[in-house]
């Protein structure tokens, strides 16, 4: 469990979380990365989103679009 969340649950409810993931030719890894982030963040009751900045040509953008 998250020690911050345990110590300050009222503070956690006030947070809107945005995660920015830079991705350069990460087609083979991006789905695993997104799965792991989503699984971890979903444990907490707070608004969140993940943004992926794609700068490559291997099809990472297509995988991210399918994921969303």
Protein backbone atom coordinates (compact mmCIF):
# COMPACT_ATOMS: atom_id res chain seq x y z
CA UNK A 1 0.00 0.00 0.00
CA UNK A 2 1.03 3.60 -0.50
CA UNK A 3 2.38 5.17 2.71
CA UNK A 4 1.28 8.66 1.64
CA UNK A 5 -2.25 7.43 0.98
CA UNK A 6 -2.34 5.73 4.37
CA UNK A 7 -1.06 8.79 6.23
CA UNK A 8 -3.04 11.46 4.36
CA UNK A 9 -6.19 9.94 2.81
CA UNK A 10 -7.93 13.34 2.72
CA UNK A 11 -5.07 14.81 0.65
CA UNK A 12 -5.23 11.97 -1.86
CA UNK A 13 -8.88 12.69 -2.63
CA UNK A 14 -7.92 16.24 -3.65
CA UNK A 15 -5.49 15.11 -6.33
CA UNK A 16 -6.11 14.87 -10.07
CA UNK A 17 -3.32 12.75 -11.44
CA UNK A 18 -1.88 12.98 -14.95
CA UNK A 19 0.97 10.74 -16.03
CA UNK A 20 2.91 11.63 -19.17
CA UNK A 21 4.79 8.76 -20.79
CA UNK A 22 7.33 9.65 -23.48
CA UNK A 23 7.54 6.79 -25.98
CA UNK A 24 10.06 6.38 -28.77
CA UNK A 25 9.56 3.14 -30.72
CA UNK A 26 7.96 1.32 -27.77
CA UNK A 27 5.45 -0.76 -29.73
CA UNK A 28 6.47 -3.99 -28.00
CA UNK A 29 6.45 -2.55 -24.47
CA UNK A 30 3.79 0.17 -24.33
CA UNK A 31 0.81 -2.12 -23.68
CA UNK A 32 2.60 -3.74 -20.72
CA UNK A 33 3.55 -0.32 -19.37
CA UNK A 34 -0.02 0.98 -19.67
CA UNK A 35 -1.42 -2.18 -18.05
CA UNK A 36 0.91 -1.78 -15.09
CA UNK A 37 0.16 1.91 -14.59
CA UNK A 38 -3.60 1.39 -14.89
CA UNK A 39 -3.61 -1.53 -12.46
CA UNK A 40 -1.65 0.44 -9.86
CA UNK A 41 -3.55 3.72 -10.18
CA UNK A 42 -6.97 2.04 -10.20
CA UNK A 43 -6.43 1.04 -6.57
CA UNK A 44 -7.00 4.67 -5.55
CA UNK A 45 -10.21 6.65 -5.76
CA UNK A 46 -8.97 9.69 -7.60
CA UNK A 47 -9.41 11.15 -11.07
CA UNK A 48 -6.52 10.25 -13.35
CA UNK A 49 -5.42 10.05 -16.94
CA UNK A 50 -2.39 8.84 -18.82
CA UNK A 51 -1.01 10.72 -21.80
CA UNK A 52 1.50 9.13 -24.15
CA UNK A 53 3.79 11.32 -26.23
CA UNK A 54 4.81 9.20 -29.22
CA UNK A 55 7.89 10.14 -31.23
CA UNK A 56 8.66 7.14 -33.39
CA UNK A 57 7.62 5.22 -36.46
CA UNK A 58 7.21 1.64 -35.23
CA UNK A 59 3.44 1.68 -34.65
CA UNK A 60 3.46 2.69 -30.98
CA UNK A 61 0.77 5.29 -31.70
CA UNK A 62 -1.56 2.62 -33.11
CA UNK A 63 -1.14 0.46 -30.01
CA UNK A 64 -1.89 3.44 -27.74
CA UNK A 65 -4.98 4.35 -29.77
CA UNK A 66 -6.25 0.75 -29.55
CA UNK A 67 -5.62 0.75 -25.81
CA UNK A 68 -7.65 3.87 -25.18
